[in-house]
Structures are given as structure tokens and as C-alpha cells.
């Protein structure tokens, strides 16, 4: 079985296990090389826990790509709240994004949704991403957290890939939420390194409070359950411009043992490859393989 399990994030519904392995493997090896790790991972060393197909709409003749979502399809509650949080974060890190007016547009209304999508479409983070794809990304996060059947199937994909030989789990974006819950659901696992990149795990109310198992209250603040034993080292990497990783420091939410670091991904703030090739990511994977 694989020593490294990779868990992808949102927007991968048209890909597959083999496609993602071919994309991730060179980047993982580049990160290891920057961390002065002589060994290169082979295809048999890396397994991809793929769940994108669970979120892919059934095919129809004369239709292709993401569903033709519009601003009107952004549901009230979770989806509107997450969209507005993305807008606020994008405005704080990207001068090209007009900031929301706290007195008006931060209240979730159809008008504010349209304004948020319009503002984000001009950001470097969402550059070249179609509106329907942006809305689909929102819905993927929402569906995972609120659809028990989908959640169980996605978790099973990850749990099934983690064997006694697995030493490292690298998880990107929404995949970090799935990987975290999968490790919690597999007590006694032998994983030594959990590496989360571009993770939304620390977002209060929207993500943190919805995790399974539920966070415990510690000093009046929610604290996520530790996803392993004493040997597990959890490293979280976040880029300042990564809108999905709204909370860069996970220590207040999961305890002081999480190693948190900021990295620099340039114009591809949320791109998995940019994270994987960073020396700090390579070092975290190297430590887990040692």
C-alpha cells in the first residue's frame, strides 16, 4: 500500500485518480528535493483518495462542464456567508478587489451576492474562473458538510486508502477537511505526518463548528479533536492571498502542536502544485517518511 495518501480539493470533479497522481507526484518530489531528500517517490508510493466524481453532475446530451449556475443559485445561509467571507478576505489581500461596505453588502442579500461575485471575478485569486465554476465550488463545500450520504462516501474513499504502511497524508483545500475527519475516524492509524495546504479548517461557524467529531469547548472556545496519536505531526501551510484558507493559523482551533507556516505562491495562491513544491511542504513530507 502507498506510503503517501493525497487528498484533493474542490473543482476536481472532471479529473481522476490517475490524472491527479500524475499532477501531484512531480510537485511532491520537487518539494522533497528542496528539502534535501535524496529519495524520489514513485507512482506506487502515492495513492490519491479521489472523491470528485461524487460531486460531478450526471452527464446529459448537449451539455458539458459545470452546471450553468448564476448568482441566483447561491443558497441563503452557508453559501452566501462563505461567499461574503471570501470577498472580505480577497479585498484584504488584493488591491484590485473593491472591499465590501460593512454597512450594506456584508449582509447576505441577493444584491450582495451579485456584488461579491462581480468583485471576486476581478481578483487574482479567482482570475479566469467562470461564475458558474465559482458557484459550483461553493456548493461542493456546502454539500460535503450538509449531505450525510455524500460525506460518508467521501470519507470512505480516504479511509480505504490509509493502510498500516501509510506515513503521510497531504490534503489540499476541502480535501483537508475530509482528510482530518478520516484520520479521526480511523483510530490507531500509523500516519506520522498530516500536511494540510490551503485549508479552510479553521473558519469558525462555517467549517470548524461543523466538523465530525465536533470540537470540544476549552476555555469557552471550540477546540478540534487531535486527529491521531502523540507521534502525529500536523503541518499547516497557508498563503496570505489564499482566500479559501481564511484562517492561516490553526493553533487556536486545534492546539499548539499544529505547526503553522506562511508560504509564498505568487499569483497562484491556492494552487496545490505551488504549495507542494515549497521547501516547507517537502520538509513535512520528508519528516513523515523518515
Protein backbone atom coordinates (compact mmCIF):
# COMPACT_ATOMS: atom_id res chain seq x y z
CA UNK A 1 0.00 0.00 0.00
CA UNK A 2 1.03 3.62 -0.52
CA UNK A 3 3.24 5.48 1.92
CA UNK A 4 1.71 8.83 0.92
CA UNK A 5 -2.01 9.49 0.50
CA UNK A 6 -3.02 12.64 -1.37
CA UNK A 7 -6.46 14.19 -0.86
CA UNK A 8 -7.54 16.76 -3.45
CA UNK A 9 -9.72 19.83 -3.00
CA UNK A 10 -12.65 21.45 -4.77
CA UNK A 11 -13.04 21.78 -8.51
CA UNK A 12 -11.56 18.39 -9.49
CA UNK A 13 -14.79 16.67 -10.50
CA UNK A 14 -13.72 16.19 -14.13
CA UNK A 15 -10.39 14.54 -13.25
CA UNK A 16 -9.50 11.10 -11.86
CA UNK A 17 -7.13 9.28 -9.52
CA UNK A 18 -4.53 8.68 -12.23
CA UNK A 19 -4.71 12.23 -13.57
CA UNK A 20 -4.21 13.77 -10.15
CA UNK A 21 -1.38 11.38 -9.29
CA UNK A 22 0.45 12.45 -12.45
CA UNK A 23 -0.08 16.10 -11.45
CA UNK A 24 0.87 15.77 -7.78
CA UNK A 25 3.81 13.35 -7.97
CA UNK A 26 6.33 15.69 -9.69
CA UNK A 27 5.38 18.53 -7.33
CA UNK A 28 5.76 16.30 -4.27
CA UNK A 29 9.19 15.24 -5.48
CA UNK A 30 10.19 18.84 -6.19
CA UNK A 31 9.27 19.78 -2.63
CA UNK A 32 11.26 16.84 -1.27
CA UNK A 33 14.26 17.85 -3.40
CA UNK A 34 14.12 21.38 -1.97
CA UNK A 35 14.14 19.80 1.47
CA UNK A 36 17.31 17.87 0.52
CA UNK A 37 15.59 14.49 0.45
CA UNK A 38 17.53 12.23 -1.91
CA UNK A 39 14.81 9.64 -2.48
CA UNK A 40 12.15 10.27 -5.10
CA UNK A 41 8.64 8.98 -4.66
CA UNK A 42 7.37 6.57 -7.31
CA UNK A 43 3.80 6.14 -8.52
CA UNK A 44 3.36 3.15 -6.23
CA UNK A 45 4.33 5.30 -3.23
CA UNK A 46 1.43 7.72 -3.74
CA UNK A 47 -2.29 6.97 -3.63
CA UNK A 48 -4.93 9.56 -4.46
CA UNK A 49 -8.15 9.43 -2.46
CA UNK A 50 -10.42 10.69 -5.24
CA UNK A 51 -13.94 11.90 -4.50
CA UNK A 52 -14.50 14.41 -7.30
CA UNK A 53 -16.85 12.06 -9.13
CA UNK A 54 -19.23 12.18 -6.16
CA UNK A 55 -19.75 15.88 -6.88
CA UNK A 56 -19.93 15.63 -10.66
CA UNK A 57 -23.44 16.03 -12.09
CA UNK A 58 -24.69 13.17 -14.23
CA UNK A 59 -23.93 13.69 -17.88
CA UNK A 60 -26.57 14.88 -20.30
CA UNK A 61 -26.51 15.10 -24.09
CA UNK A 62 -25.79 18.60 -25.43
CA UNK A 63 -24.37 19.72 -22.08
CA UNK A 64 -20.83 19.81 -20.80
CA UNK A 65 -18.79 21.25 -17.97
CA UNK A 66 -20.14 22.70 -14.74
CA UNK A 67 -23.89 23.28 -14.31
CA UNK A 68 -24.92 26.74 -15.65
CA UNK A 69 -25.13 28.32 -12.21
CA UNK A 70 -25.82 32.03 -11.75
CA UNK A 71 -25.85 34.36 -8.76
CA UNK A 72 -29.45 33.32 -8.11
CA UNK A 73 -28.25 29.77 -7.38
CA UNK A 74 -26.14 30.80 -4.36
CA UNK A 75 -28.25 29.47 -1.49
CA UNK A 76 -29.07 31.51 1.57
CA UNK A 77 -27.18 30.73 4.74
CA UNK A 78 -23.94 28.80 4.37
CA UNK A 79 -23.23 29.53 0.70
CA UNK A 80 -23.91 33.26 0.94
CA UNK A 81 -21.93 33.52 4.19
CA UNK A 82 -18.91 31.71 2.73
CA UNK A 83 -19.03 33.79 -0.45
CA UNK A 84 -19.03 37.03 1.55
CA UNK A 85 -16.16 35.75 3.70
CA UNK A 86 -14.18 35.04 0.52
CA UNK A 87 -14.90 38.57 -0.69
CA UNK A 88 -13.70 40.12 2.56
CA UNK A 89 -10.52 38.03 2.52
CA UNK A 90 -9.83 38.81 -1.15
CA UNK A 91 -10.24 42.55 -0.53
CA UNK A 92 -7.76 42.39 2.35
CA UNK A 93 -5.05 40.74 0.25
CA UNK A 94 -5.69 42.04 -3.28
CA UNK A 95 -5.75 45.80 -4.01
CA UNK A 96 -7.70 45.14 -7.20
CA UNK A 97 -10.73 43.93 -5.24
CA UNK A 98 -13.18 46.58 -4.12
CA UNK A 99 -13.82 45.98 -0.40
CA UNK A 100 -17.35 45.27 0.76
CA UNK A 101 -19.25 48.01 2.56
CA UNK A 102 -19.74 46.66 6.06
CA UNK A 103 -22.91 48.69 6.48
CA UNK A 104 -24.57 47.24 3.40
CA UNK A 105 -23.09 44.42 1.36
CA UNK A 106 -21.83 42.25 4.21
CA UNK A 107 -25.47 41.46 4.94
CA UNK A 108 -26.38 38.39 2.92
CA UNK A 109 -28.85 39.52 0.25
CA UNK A 110 -29.26 38.74 -3.46
CA UNK A 111 -27.74 42.14 -4.22
CA UNK A 112 -24.69 41.45 -2.06
CA UNK A 113 -24.21 38.04 -3.73
CA UNK A 114 -24.10 39.65 -7.15
CA UNK A 115 -21.68 42.29 -5.88
CA UNK A 116 -19.45 39.64 -4.30
CA UNK A 117 -19.29 37.53 -7.45
CA UNK A 118 -18.58 40.62 -9.55
CA UNK A 119 -15.78 41.74 -7.20
CA UNK A 120 -14.23 38.27 -6.95
CA UNK A 121 -14.25 37.79 -10.72
CA UNK A 122 -11.69 40.61 -10.92
CA UNK A 123 -9.43 39.24 -8.20
CA UNK A 124 -6.14 37.49 -8.87
CA UNK A 125 -7.39 34.55 -6.82
CA UNK A 126 -10.44 33.87 -8.98
CA UNK A 127 -8.93 35.14 -12.23
CA UNK A 128 -10.18 33.28 -15.30
CA UNK A 129 -12.68 31.28 -13.22
CA UNK A 130 -16.17 31.34 -14.69
CA UNK A 131 -19.00 32.50 -12.46
CA UNK A 132 -20.71 29.11 -12.70
CA UNK A 133 -17.50 27.41 -11.53
CA UNK A 134 -17.21 29.79 -8.58
CA UNK A 135 -20.77 29.00 -7.52
CA UNK A 136 -20.13 25.27 -8.04
CA UNK A 137 -17.13 25.47 -5.69
CA UNK A 138 -19.35 26.99 -3.01
CA UNK A 139 -21.85 24.22 -3.47
CA UNK A 140 -19.22 21.49 -3.23
CA UNK A 141 -18.15 22.68 0.21
CA UNK A 142 -21.79 23.08 1.26
CA UNK A 143 -22.83 19.63 0.02
CA UNK A 144 -19.98 17.86 1.78
CA UNK A 145 -20.82 19.46 5.12
CA UNK A 146 -24.59 19.03 4.91
CA UNK A 147 -25.19 15.82 2.93
CA UNK A 148 -24.56 12.83 5.26
CA UNK A 149 -24.55 10.29 2.43
CA UNK A 150 -22.04 12.25 0.33
CA UNK A 151 -19.89 12.88 3.39
CA UNK A 152 -19.81 9.19 4.30
CA UNK A 153 -18.84 8.18 0.74
CA UNK A 154 -16.06 10.81 0.52
CA UNK A 155 -14.70 9.82 3.92
CA UNK A 156 -14.69 6.15 2.93
CA UNK A 157 -12.54 6.97 -0.12
CA UNK A 158 -9.85 8.40 2.17
CA UNK A 159 -10.13 5.83 4.96
CA UNK A 160 -9.82 2.99 2.42
CA UNK A 161 -6.52 4.39 1.13
CA UNK A 162 -4.90 4.72 4.56
CA UNK A 163 -3.16 1.48 5.44
CA UNK A 164 -0.64 0.45 8.08
CA UNK A 165 2.04 1.44 5.55
CA UNK A 166 0.78 4.99 5.16
CA UNK A 167 3.07 7.51 6.82
CA UNK A 168 2.00 10.81 5.22
CA UNK A 169 -1.35 12.34 4.31
CA UNK A 170 -1.18 15.51 2.19
CA UNK A 171 -4.52 17.28 1.81
CA UNK A 172 -5.49 20.38 -0.15
CA UNK A 173 -8.44 22.76 0.31
CA UNK A 174 -11.71 20.93 1.09
CA UNK A 175 -9.63 17.75 1.00
CA UNK A 176 -8.02 18.83 4.27
CA UNK A 177 -11.45 18.73 5.92
CA UNK A 178 -12.10 15.24 4.54
CA UNK A 179 -8.61 14.03 5.50
CA UNK A 180 -8.92 15.41 9.04
CA UNK A 181 -12.26 13.68 9.58
CA UNK A 182 -10.95 10.45 8.03
CA UNK A 183 -7.98 10.32 10.39
CA UNK A 184 -10.29 10.98 13.33
CA UNK A 185 -12.48 8.12 12.10
CA UNK A 186 -9.54 5.69 11.95
CA UNK A 187 -8.16 5.44 15.49
CA UNK A 188 -4.81 3.71 15.78
CA UNK A 189 -3.63 4.76 12.31
CA UNK A 190 0.13 4.86 11.72
CA UNK A 191 0.23 8.21 9.89
CA UNK A 192 3.12 10.31 11.17
CA UNK A 193 2.63 13.47 9.12
CA UNK A 194 -0.58 15.28 8.24
CA UNK A 195 0.20 18.11 5.82
CA UNK A 196 -2.70 20.48 5.13
CA UNK A 197 -2.32 23.10 2.40
CA UNK A 198 -4.74 25.90 1.57
CA UNK A 199 -7.03 24.60 4.29
CA UNK A 200 -10.36 26.11 5.42
CA UNK A 201 -10.39 24.03 8.61
CA UNK A 202 -10.04 27.00 10.96
CA UNK A 203 -13.03 29.02 9.71
CA UNK A 204 -15.34 29.39 12.72
CA UNK A 205 -19.08 28.70 12.39
CA UNK A 206 -18.86 27.76 8.72
CA UNK A 207 -16.32 24.90 8.93
CA UNK A 208 -14.84 24.36 12.40
CA UNK A 209 -18.16 24.03 14.18
CA UNK A 210 -19.45 21.54 11.59
CA UNK A 211 -16.56 19.06 11.86
CA UNK A 212 -17.07 15.44 12.84
CA UNK A 213 -16.20 14.73 15.59
CA UNK A 214 -17.49 18.03 16.91
CA UNK A 215 -14.96 20.34 18.59
CA UNK A 216 -14.90 20.39 22.38
CA UNK A 217 -15.24 23.56 24.40
CA UNK A 218 -11.98 24.61 26.02
CA UNK A 219 -11.98 27.87 27.96
CA UNK A 220 -15.14 28.89 26.18
CA UNK A 221 -13.55 28.36 22.74
CA UNK A 222 -14.07 25.43 20.35
CA UNK A 223 -11.07 23.12 20.07
CA UNK A 224 -10.91 20.49 17.35
CA UNK A 225 -10.07 16.92 18.33
CA UNK A 226 -6.47 15.91 17.62
CA UNK A 227 -6.57 13.60 14.55
CA UNK A 228 -4.09 10.99 15.74
CA UNK A 229 -1.72 9.91 18.45
CA UNK A 230 1.32 11.53 20.03
CA UNK A 231 3.55 10.59 17.07
CA UNK A 232 1.48 12.53 14.55
CA UNK A 233 2.99 15.82 13.38
CA UNK A 234 0.50 18.16 11.75
CA UNK A 235 1.87 20.89 9.46
CA UNK A 236 -0.43 23.54 8.00
CA UNK A 237 0.73 25.80 5.17
CA UNK A 238 -1.18 28.89 4.03
CA UNK A 239 -0.53 31.69 1.56
CA UNK A 240 -1.56 35.24 2.51
CA UNK A 241 -3.54 35.60 -0.70
CA UNK A 242 -5.27 32.24 -0.40
CA UNK A 243 -8.93 33.14 0.07
CA UNK A 244 -10.00 29.56 0.84
CA UNK A 245 -7.52 29.37 3.73
CA UNK A 246 -9.25 32.23 5.53
CA UNK A 247 -7.70 31.33 8.90
CA UNK A 248 -3.95 30.94 8.42
CA UNK A 249 -3.07 29.87 11.97
CA UNK A 250 -4.83 26.69 13.10
CA UNK A 251 -3.30 26.62 16.58
CA UNK A 252 -6.17 28.45 18.31
CA UNK A 253 -8.60 25.94 16.79
CA UNK A 254 -6.66 22.68 17.14
CA UNK A 255 -3.98 23.29 19.75
CA UNK A 256 -0.39 24.50 19.93
CA UNK A 257 1.05 21.33 18.43
CA UNK A 258 -0.03 22.26 14.90
CA UNK A 259 3.00 23.60 13.03
CA UNK A 260 1.74 26.56 11.01
CA UNK A 261 3.65 28.47 8.36
CA UNK A 262 3.01 31.06 5.68
CA UNK A 263 4.33 30.36 2.19
CA UNK A 264 4.52 32.43 -0.98
CA UNK A 265 2.74 31.03 -4.04
CA UNK A 266 2.80 34.12 -6.24
CA UNK A 267 -0.24 34.60 -8.45
CA UNK A 268 -1.39 31.01 -7.88
CA UNK A 269 -2.26 31.47 -4.23
CA UNK A 270 -4.46 28.38 -3.84
CA UNK A 271 -2.80 26.12 -6.39
CA UNK A 272 -1.88 22.71 -4.98
CA UNK A 273 1.34 22.46 -7.02
CA UNK A 274 2.58 25.79 -5.68
CA UNK A 275 2.15 24.51 -2.14
CA UNK A 276 3.64 21.08 -2.82
CA UNK A 277 6.85 22.43 -4.34
CA UNK A 278 7.59 24.64 -1.33
CA UNK A 279 10.54 23.55 0.81
CA UNK A 280 8.46 23.57 4.00
CA UNK A 281 5.96 21.18 2.45
CA UNK A 282 8.78 18.96 1.30
CA UNK A 283 10.31 19.01 4.78
CA UNK A 284 7.00 17.99 6.38
CA UNK A 285 6.63 15.07 3.95
CA UNK A 286 10.28 14.11 4.44
CA UNK A 287 9.87 14.04 8.22
CA UNK A 288 6.88 11.74 7.91
CA UNK A 289 8.74 9.35 5.62
CA UNK A 290 11.84 9.19 7.81
